[in-house]
Amino acid sequence: MTLSFTARWRDELPATYTALLPTPLKNARLIWYNDKLAQQLAIPASLFDATNGAGVWGGETLLPGMSPVAQVYSGHQFGVWAGQLGDGRGILLGEQLLADGSTLDWHLKGAGLTPYSRMGDGRAVLRSTIRESLASEAMHYLGIPTTRALSIVTSDTPVQRETQETGAMLMRLAQSHMRFGHFEHFYYRREPAKVQQLADFAIRHYWPQWQDAPEKYDLWFEEVAARTGRLIAEWQTVGFCARRYEYG
């Protein structure tokens, strides 16, 4: 079965990203993939063949239909306005079209420098990619909405943190990478038309049943607020307390 990808974000929201390719790691190699999730998404086993190198999992190749972008957003951190942020080390490769008509974002974390990296190096380390994979899968099986981990690539690229660590990449899947920070970015830039474009995009693709409703923005806002409150409550039921919810 051939995977199909679309680029709705890139096509419809041109002010929200920079188009660029991932920067591959040195001697990258696939060390883990989520076999059960891959089967559910009808991803061909051949894509995980280690003899083909790291492939799409390491940003070395793209699948047909992918149009990679780094997103820009702004927001608060620790209760303080932090200004422009953005994808400093992640790239949205594309949106997979699923059999039921929905989509799933493929987002490569640790994909290299972007215009939004600020003082960062654009990289992720093996330790943190393993931790994120374990946490996201645990959240999923606890019934809490979450991103999903599809693959981990390791490499010979050294990455300096408190000590020297191993550079890695994580393929992260989500229903959407739209953030509160996208709206904050254009709100604080006093560009209300672009704020409305974001809201229209969200309603058109994720709540199409409200697209023609006179009160569609009210319905959408109430739904987002309710879902966000419920999600944070579910995090706390399993002992998690984030330091920031503002832009993610």
C-alpha atoms as a PDB file:
ATOM      1  CA  MET A   1       0.000   0.000   0.000  1.00  0.00           C
ATOM      2  CA  THR A   2       1.296   3.459  -0.920  1.00  0.00           C
ATOM      3  CA  LEU A   3       1.266   6.111   1.782  1.00  0.00           C
ATOM      4  CA  SER A   4      -0.427   9.371   0.832  1.00  0.00           C
ATOM      5  CA  PHE A   5       0.556  12.753   2.225  1.00  0.00           C
ATOM      6  CA  THR A   6      -0.920  16.208   1.958  1.00  0.00           C
ATOM      7  CA  ALA A   7       0.522  19.621   2.765  1.00  0.00           C
ATOM      8  CA  ARG A   8      -2.488  21.576   3.984  1.00  0.00           C
ATOM      9  CA  TRP A   9      -0.471  23.611   6.475  1.00  0.00           C
ATOM     10  CA  ARG A  10       2.073  24.619   3.864  1.00  0.00           C
ATOM     11  CA  ASP A  11      -0.557  25.351   1.225  1.00  0.00           C
ATOM     12  CA  GLU A  12      -3.047  27.280   3.363  1.00  0.00           C
ATOM     13  CA  LEU A  13      -1.019  29.086   6.055  1.00  0.00           C
ATOM     14  CA  PRO A  14       2.032  30.566   4.289  1.00  0.00           C
ATOM     15  CA  ALA A  15       2.777  33.133   7.015  1.00  0.00           C
ATOM     16  CA  THR A  16       3.294  30.464   9.671  1.00  0.00           C
ATOM     17  CA  TYR A  17       6.422  28.624   8.583  1.00  0.00           C
ATOM     18  CA  THR A  18       9.741  28.463   6.781  1.00  0.00           C
ATOM     19  CA  ALA A  19      10.141  25.686   4.219  1.00  0.00           C
ATOM     20  CA  LEU A  20      13.368  23.725   4.676  1.00  0.00           C
ATOM     21  CA  LEU A  21      14.799  20.218   4.612  1.00  0.00           C
ATOM     22  CA  PRO A  22      16.040  18.215   7.606  1.00  0.00           C
ATOM     23  CA  THR A  23      19.793  18.076   8.217  1.00  0.00           C
ATOM     24  CA  PRO A  24      20.799  14.398   8.479  1.00  0.00           C
ATOM     25  CA  LEU A  25      22.985  13.055  11.263  1.00  0.00           C
ATOM     26  CA  LYS A  26      26.366  11.370  10.744  1.00  0.00           C
ATOM     27  CA  ASN A  27      26.061   7.614  10.176  1.00  0.00           C
ATOM     28  CA  ALA A  28      22.414   7.659  11.255  1.00  0.00           C
ATOM     29  CA  ARG A  29      20.712   4.315  11.827  1.00  0.00           C
ATOM     30  CA  LEU A  30      17.277   3.190  12.898  1.00  0.00           C
ATOM     31  CA  ILE A  31      17.361   1.473  16.299  1.00  0.00           C
ATOM     32  CA  TRP A  32      13.655   1.218  17.151  1.00  0.00           C
ATOM     33  CA  TYR A  33      10.263   1.596  15.570  1.00  0.00           C
ATOM     34  CA  ASN A  34       6.729   1.180  16.824  1.00  0.00           C
ATOM     35  CA  ASP A  35       5.699  -1.954  14.960  1.00  0.00           C
ATOM     36  CA  LYS A  36       2.097  -2.003  16.211  1.00  0.00           C
ATOM     37  CA  LEU A  37       1.501   1.645  15.300  1.00  0.00           C
ATOM     38  CA  ALA A  38       3.176   1.166  11.923  1.00  0.00           C
ATOM     39  CA  GLN A  39       0.818  -1.707  11.132  1.00  0.00           C
ATOM     40  CA  GLN A  40      -2.213   0.351  12.167  1.00  0.00           C
ATOM     41  CA  LEU A  41      -1.121   3.103   9.778  1.00  0.00           C
ATOM     42  CA  ALA A  42      -0.369   0.644   6.955  1.00  0.00           C
ATOM     43  CA  ILE A  43       3.267   1.754   6.772  1.00  0.00           C
ATOM     44  CA  PRO A  44       5.190  -0.711   4.566  1.00  0.00           C
ATOM     45  CA  ALA A  45       7.722  -2.795   6.485  1.00  0.00           C
ATOM     46  CA  SER A  46      10.268  -2.057   3.750  1.00  0.00           C
ATOM     47  CA  LEU A  47      10.554   1.534   4.999  1.00  0.00           C
ATOM     48  CA  PHE A  48      12.088   0.189   8.202  1.00  0.00           C
ATOM     49  CA  ASP A  49      14.705  -1.911   6.393  1.00  0.00           C
ATOM     50  CA  ALA A  50      18.006  -0.938   8.016  1.00  0.00           C
ATOM     51  CA  THR A  51      19.944  -1.792   4.855  1.00  0.00           C
ATOM     52  CA  ASN A  52      18.409   1.304   3.254  1.00  0.00           C
ATOM     53  CA  GLY A  53      20.040   3.608   5.803  1.00  0.00           C
ATOM     54  CA  ALA A  54      18.063   5.881   8.097  1.00  0.00           C
ATOM     55  CA  GLY A  55      15.784   6.985   5.264  1.00  0.00           C
ATOM     56  CA  VAL A  56      12.856   9.193   6.153  1.00  0.00           C
ATOM     57  CA  TRP A  57      13.347   8.366   9.856  1.00  0.00           C
ATOM     58  CA  GLY A  58      16.666  10.211   9.813  1.00  0.00           C
ATOM     59  CA  GLY A  59      15.675  13.004   7.450  1.00  0.00           C
ATOM     60  CA  GLU A  60      17.753  11.562   4.608  1.00  0.00           C
ATOM     61  CA  THR A  61      14.823  11.108   2.241  1.00  0.00           C
ATOM     62  CA  LEU A  62      11.236  12.281   1.911  1.00  0.00           C
ATOM     63  CA  LEU A  63       8.175  10.258   0.988  1.00  0.00           C
ATOM     64  CA  PRO A  64       6.063  11.382  -1.998  1.00  0.00           C
ATOM     65  CA  GLY A  65       3.790  14.249  -1.022  1.00  0.00           C
ATOM     66  CA  MET A  66       5.867  15.438   1.929  1.00  0.00           C
ATOM     67  CA  SER A  67       6.599  19.192   2.047  1.00  0.00           C
ATOM     68  CA  PRO A  68       8.695  19.899   5.161  1.00  0.00           C
ATOM     69  CA  VAL A  69       8.308  23.130   7.122  1.00  0.00           C
ATOM     70  CA  ALA A  70       9.459  24.585  10.440  1.00  0.00           C
ATOM     71  CA  GLN A  71       6.600  26.416  12.128  1.00  0.00           C
ATOM     72  CA  VAL A  72       6.820  29.812  13.801  1.00  0.00           C
ATOM     73  CA  TYR A  73       4.851  30.637  16.942  1.00  0.00           C
ATOM     74  CA  SER A  74       5.178  32.860  19.994  1.00  0.00           C
ATOM     75  CA  GLY A  75       4.167  32.567  23.601  1.00  0.00           C
ATOM     76  CA  HIS A  76       4.675  32.814  27.313  1.00  0.00           C
ATOM     77  CA  GLN A  77       7.161  30.744  29.285  1.00  0.00           C
ATOM     78  CA  PHE A  78       6.923  30.462  33.060  1.00  0.00           C
ATOM     79  CA  GLY A  79       4.305  33.216  33.098  1.00  0.00           C
ATOM     80  CA  VAL A  80       6.455  35.690  31.154  1.00  0.00           C
ATOM     81  CA  TRP A  81       6.009  36.761  27.537  1.00  0.00           C
ATOM     82  CA  ALA A  82       8.881  35.155  25.629  1.00  0.00           C
ATOM     83  CA  GLY A  83       8.149  36.602  22.193  1.00  0.00           C
ATOM     84  CA  GLN A  84       8.832  34.621  19.042  1.00  0.00           C
ATOM     85  CA  LEU A  85       9.653  30.953  19.542  1.00  0.00           C
ATOM     86  CA  GLY A  86       9.047  28.321  16.865  1.00  0.00           C
ATOM     87  CA  ASP A  87      10.302  24.902  15.833  1.00  0.00           C
ATOM     88  CA  GLY A  88      13.907  25.162  16.921  1.00  0.00           C
ATOM     89  CA  ARG A  89      14.793  21.537  16.230  1.00  0.00           C
ATOM     90  CA  GLY A  90      11.712  19.955  14.702  1.00  0.00           C
ATOM     91  CA  ILE A  91      10.317  19.884  11.179  1.00  0.00           C
ATOM     92  CA  LEU A  92       6.774  19.026  10.113  1.00  0.00           C
ATOM     93  CA  LEU A  93       7.373  16.674   7.188  1.00  0.00           C
ATOM     94  CA  GLY A  94       3.777  16.266   6.074  1.00  0.00           C
ATOM     95  CA  GLU A  95       0.293  15.080   6.938  1.00  0.00           C
ATOM     96  CA  GLN A  96      -0.560  11.457   6.241  1.00  0.00           C
ATOM     97  CA  LEU A  97      -3.999  10.890   4.718  1.00  0.00           C
ATOM     98  CA  LEU A  98      -5.713   8.035   6.561  1.00  0.00           C
ATOM     99  CA  ALA A  99      -8.381   5.679   5.283  1.00  0.00           C
ATOM    100  CA  ASP A 100     -11.146   7.383   7.278  1.00  0.00           C
ATOM    101  CA  GLY A 101     -10.369  10.774   5.727  1.00  0.00           C
ATOM    102  CA  SER A 102      -8.518  12.162   8.744  1.00  0.00           C
ATOM    103  CA  THR A 103      -4.844  13.136   8.777  1.00  0.00           C
ATOM    104  CA  LEU A 104      -1.844  12.528  10.992  1.00  0.00           C
ATOM    105  CA  ASP A 105       1.157  14.856  11.197  1.00  0.00           C
ATOM    106  CA  TRP A 106       4.646  13.385  10.825  1.00  0.00           C
ATOM    107  CA  HIS A 107       7.037  15.606  12.770  1.00  0.00           C
ATOM    108  CA  LEU A 108      10.774  14.886  12.929  1.00  0.00           C
ATOM    109  CA  LYS A 109      12.400  16.026  16.165  1.00  0.00           C
ATOM    110  CA  GLY A 110      16.149  16.687  16.196  1.00  0.00           C
ATOM    111  CA  ALA A 111      16.089  17.491  12.477  1.00  0.00           C
ATOM    112  CA  GLY A 112      18.687  20.278  12.601  1.00  0.00           C
ATOM    113  CA  LEU A 113      18.888  24.044  12.748  1.00  0.00           C
ATOM    114  CA  THR A 114      15.919  26.152  11.668  1.00  0.00           C
ATOM    115  CA  PRO A 115      15.381  29.931  11.554  1.00  0.00           C
ATOM    116  CA  TYR A 116      13.743  29.531  14.970  1.00  0.00           C
ATOM    117  CA  SER A 117      16.567  27.686  16.755  1.00  0.00           C
ATOM    118  CA  ARG A 118      17.668  30.824  18.614  1.00  0.00           C
ATOM    119  CA  MET A 119      20.680  29.725  20.725  1.00  0.00           C
ATOM    120  CA  GLY A 120      20.016  26.004  20.217  1.00  0.00           C
ATOM    121  CA  ASP A 121      21.811  23.510  17.990  1.00  0.00           C
ATOM    122  CA  GLY A 122      18.733  21.989  16.376  1.00  0.00           C
ATOM    123  CA  ARG A 123      19.460  18.554  17.754  1.00  0.00           C
ATOM    124  CA  ALA A 124      17.895  16.014  20.098  1.00  0.00           C
ATOM    125  CA  VAL A 125      19.826  13.429  22.094  1.00  0.00           C
ATOM    126  CA  LEU A 126      19.230   9.711  22.380  1.00  0.00           C
ATOM    127  CA  ARG A 127      18.425   9.864  26.083  1.00  0.00           C
ATOM    128  CA  SER A 128      15.579  12.357  25.663  1.00  0.00           C
ATOM    129  CA  THR A 129      14.116  10.695  22.563  1.00  0.00           C
ATOM    130  CA  ILE A 130      13.869   7.386  24.423  1.00  0.00           C
ATOM    131  CA  ARG A 131      12.259   9.131  27.378  1.00  0.00           C
ATOM    132  CA  GLU A 132       9.711  10.916  25.179  1.00  0.00           C
ATOM    133  CA  SER A 133       8.869   7.685  23.367  1.00  0.00           C
ATOM    134  CA  LEU A 134       8.252   5.821  26.624  1.00  0.00           C
ATOM    135  CA  ALA A 135       6.185   8.660  28.074  1.00  0.00           C
ATOM    136  CA  SER A 136       4.015   9.168  25.001  1.00  0.00           C
ATOM    137  CA  GLU A 137       3.254   5.468  24.635  1.00  0.00           C
ATOM    138  CA  ALA A 138       2.457   5.193  28.340  1.00  0.00           C
ATOM    139  CA  MET A 139       0.067   8.140  28.062  1.00  0.00           C
ATOM    140  CA  HIS A 140      -1.615   6.575  25.040  1.00  0.00           C
ATOM    141  CA  TYR A 141      -2.246   3.272  26.778  1.00  0.00           C
ATOM    142  CA  LEU A 142      -3.503   5.107  29.856  1.00  0.00           C
ATOM    143  CA  GLY A 143      -6.154   6.608  27.590  1.00  0.00           C
ATOM    144  CA  ILE A 144      -4.786  10.164  27.700  1.00  0.00           C
ATOM    145  CA  PRO A 145      -4.609  12.096  24.391  1.00  0.00           C
ATOM    146  CA  THR A 146      -0.974  12.387  23.346  1.00  0.00           C
ATOM    147  CA  THR A 147       1.508  12.421  20.521  1.00  0.00           C
ATOM    148  CA  ARG A 148       2.791   9.010  19.422  1.00  0.00           C
ATOM    149  CA  ALA A 149       6.355   7.843  18.918  1.00  0.00           C
ATOM    150  CA  LEU A 150       6.950   6.046  15.619  1.00  0.00           C
ATOM    151  CA  SER A 151      10.732   5.675  15.394  1.00  0.00           C
ATOM    152  CA  ILE A 152      14.109   6.520  16.914  1.00  0.00           C
ATOM    153  CA  VAL A 153      17.325   7.020  14.967  1.00  0.00           C
ATOM    154  CA  THR A 154      20.744   7.170  16.618  1.00  0.00           C
ATOM    155  CA  SER A 155      24.004   8.373  15.075  1.00  0.00           C
ATOM    156  CA  ASP A 156      27.694   9.158  15.431  1.00  0.00           C
ATOM    157  CA  THR A 157      26.943  12.882  15.758  1.00  0.00           C
ATOM    158  CA  PRO A 158      28.089  14.231  19.136  1.00  0.00           C
ATOM    159  CA  VAL A 159      25.746  16.708  20.818  1.00  0.00           C
ATOM    160  CA  GLN A 160      26.924  18.840  23.704  1.00  0.00           C
ATOM    161  CA  ARG A 161      24.628  19.196  26.694  1.00  0.00           C
ATOM    162  CA  GLU A 162      25.925  19.086  30.288  1.00  0.00           C
ATOM    163  CA  THR A 163      28.090  16.297  28.915  1.00  0.00           C
ATOM    164  CA  GLN A 164      28.647  15.056  25.387  1.00  0.00           C
ATOM    165  CA  GLU A 165      25.708  12.935  24.241  1.00  0.00           C
ATOM    166  CA  THR A 166      24.597  11.048  21.151  1.00  0.00           C
ATOM    167  CA  GLY A 167      22.575  12.864  18.502  1.00  0.00           C
ATOM    168  CA  ALA A 168      19.240  11.247  17.658  1.00  0.00           C
ATOM    169  CA  MET A 169      15.947  11.860  15.863  1.00  0.00           C
ATOM    170  CA  LEU A 170      12.404  10.993  16.880  1.00  0.00           C
ATOM    171  CA  MET A 171       9.493  10.672  14.468  1.00  0.00           C
ATOM    172  CA  ARG A 172       6.534  12.048  16.395  1.00  0.00           C
ATOM    173  CA  LEU A 173       2.953  11.714  15.185  1.00  0.00           C
ATOM    174  CA  ALA A 174      -0.012  13.877  16.178  1.00  0.00           C
ATOM    175  CA  GLN A 175      -3.458  14.763  14.893  1.00  0.00           C
ATOM    176  CA  SER A 176      -2.263  18.356  14.636  1.00  0.00           C
ATOM    177  CA  HIS A 177       0.709  20.563  15.480  1.00  0.00           C
ATOM    178  CA  MET A 178      -1.437  23.695  15.738  1.00  0.00           C
ATOM    179  CA  ARG A 179      -0.505  25.472  18.968  1.00  0.00           C
ATOM    180  CA  PHE A 180      -1.892  28.235  21.129  1.00  0.00           C
ATOM    181  CA  GLY A 181       1.358  29.960  20.233  1.00  0.00           C
ATOM    182  CA  HIS A 182       0.387  30.252  16.574  1.00  0.00           C
ATOM    183  CA  PHE A 183      -2.549  32.419  17.615  1.00  0.00           C
ATOM    184  CA  GLU A 184      -0.449  34.379  20.107  1.00  0.00           C
ATOM    185  CA  HIS A 185       2.148  35.069  17.431  1.00  0.00           C
ATOM    186  CA  PHE A 186      -0.259  36.987  15.222  1.00  0.00           C
ATOM    187  CA  TYR A 187      -2.313  38.445  18.067  1.00  0.00           C
ATOM    188  CA  TYR A 188       0.726  40.209  19.514  1.00  0.00           C
ATOM    189  CA  ARG A 189       1.805  41.295  16.039  1.00  0.00           C
ATOM    190  CA  ARG A 190      -1.635  42.912  15.681  1.00  0.00           C
ATOM    191  CA  GLU A 191      -2.580  40.846  12.644  1.00  0.00           C
ATOM    192  CA  PRO A 192      -6.180  39.810  13.387  1.00  0.00           C
ATOM    193  CA  ALA A 193      -6.785  38.594   9.833  1.00  0.00           C
ATOM    194  CA  LYS A 194      -4.117  35.931  10.299  1.00  0.00           C
ATOM    195  CA  VAL A 195      -5.582  34.945  13.676  1.00  0.00           C
ATOM    196  CA  GLN A 196      -8.875  34.403  11.880  1.00  0.00           C
ATOM    197  CA  GLN A 197      -7.135  32.395   9.144  1.00  0.00           C
ATOM    198  CA  LEU A 198      -5.807  30.030  11.807  1.00  0.00           C
ATOM    199  CA  ALA A 199      -9.245  29.642  13.376  1.00  0.00           C
ATOM    200  CA  ASP A 200     -10.820  29.045   9.972  1.00  0.00           C
ATOM    201  CA  PHE A 201      -8.174  26.417   9.182  1.00  0.00           C
ATOM    202  CA  ALA A 202      -8.852  24.616  12.464  1.00  0.00           C
ATOM    203  CA  ILE A 203     -12.618  24.612  11.976  1.00  0.00           C
ATOM    204  CA  ARG A 204     -12.426  23.656   8.302  1.00  0.00           C
ATOM    205  CA  HIS A 205     -10.203  20.636   8.874  1.00  0.00           C
ATOM    206  CA  TYR A 206     -10.954  19.470  12.422  1.00  0.00           C
ATOM    207  CA  TRP A 207     -14.525  20.640  13.127  1.00  0.00           C
ATOM    208  CA  PRO A 208     -16.092  20.819   9.653  1.00  0.00           C
ATOM    209  CA  GLN A 209     -19.568  20.299  11.127  1.00  0.00           C
ATOM    210  CA  TRP A 210     -19.411  23.900  12.393  1.00  0.00           C
ATOM    211  CA  GLN A 211     -18.058  25.524   9.250  1.00  0.00           C
ATOM    212  CA  ASP A 212     -21.376  27.075   8.222  1.00  0.00           C
ATOM    213  CA  ALA A 213     -22.676  27.779  11.725  1.00  0.00           C
ATOM    214  CA  PRO A 214     -23.147  31.504  12.532  1.00  0.00           C
ATOM    215  CA  GLU A 215     -21.621  30.901  15.969  1.00  0.00           C
ATOM    216  CA  LYS A 216     -18.766  28.693  14.702  1.00  0.00           C
ATOM    217  CA  TYR A 217     -16.020  30.625  16.522  1.00  0.00           C
ATOM    218  CA  ASP A 218     -17.879  30.430  19.833  1.00  0.00           C
ATOM    219  CA  LEU A 219     -18.445  26.695  19.416  1.00  0.00           C
ATOM    220  CA  TRP A 220     -14.817  26.117  18.481  1.00  0.00           C
ATOM    221  CA  PHE A 221     -13.431  28.227  21.335  1.00  0.00           C
ATOM    222  CA  GLU A 222     -15.604  26.462  23.901  1.00  0.00           C
ATOM    223  CA  GLU A 223     -14.539  23.059  22.586  1.00  0.00           C
ATOM    224  CA  VAL A 224     -10.830  23.922  22.687  1.00  0.00           C
ATOM    225  CA  ALA A 225     -11.135  25.301  26.230  1.00  0.00           C
ATOM    226  CA  ALA A 226     -13.003  22.205  27.413  1.00  0.00           C
ATOM    227  CA  ARG A 227     -10.554  19.799  25.789  1.00  0.00           C
ATOM    228  CA  THR A 228      -7.556  21.658  27.190  1.00  0.00           C
ATOM    229  CA  GLY A 229      -8.944  21.687  30.712  1.00  0.00           C
ATOM    230  CA  ARG A 230      -9.812  18.011  30.521  1.00  0.00           C
ATOM    231  CA  LEU A 231      -6.354  17.133  29.166  1.00  0.00           C
ATOM    232  CA  ILE A 232      -4.515  18.961  31.959  1.00  0.00           C
ATOM    233  CA  ALA A 233      -6.762  17.289  34.532  1.00  0.00           C
ATOM    234  CA  GLU A 234      -5.945  13.886  33.029  1.00  0.00           C
ATOM    235  CA  TRP A 235      -2.228  14.655  33.207  1.00  0.00           C
ATOM    236  CA  GLN A 236      -2.565  15.458  36.874  1.00  0.00           C
ATOM    237  CA  THR A 237      -4.442  12.230  37.620  1.00  0.00           C
ATOM    238  CA  VAL A 238      -1.289  10.315  36.718  1.00  0.00           C
ATOM    239  CA  GLY A 239       1.002  12.588  38.702  1.00  0.00           C
ATOM    240  CA  PHE A 240       2.245  14.915  35.976  1.00  0.00           C
ATOM    241  CA  CYS A 241       2.486  18.678  36.437  1.00  0.00           C
ATOM    242  CA  ALA A 242       3.994  20.682  33.588  1.00  0.00           C
ATOM    243  CA  ARG A 243       5.803  23.921  34.225  1.00  0.00           C
ATOM    244  CA  ARG A 244       4.186  25.546  31.216  1.00  0.00           C
ATOM    245  CA  TYR A 245       1.000  25.054  29.243  1.00  0.00           C
ATOM    246  CA  GLU A 246       0.942  28.401  27.508  1.00  0.00           C
ATOM    247  CA  TYR A 247       2.080  27.832  23.930  1.00  0.00           C
ATOM    248  CA  GLY A 248       2.456  24.083  23.404  1.00  0.00           C
END
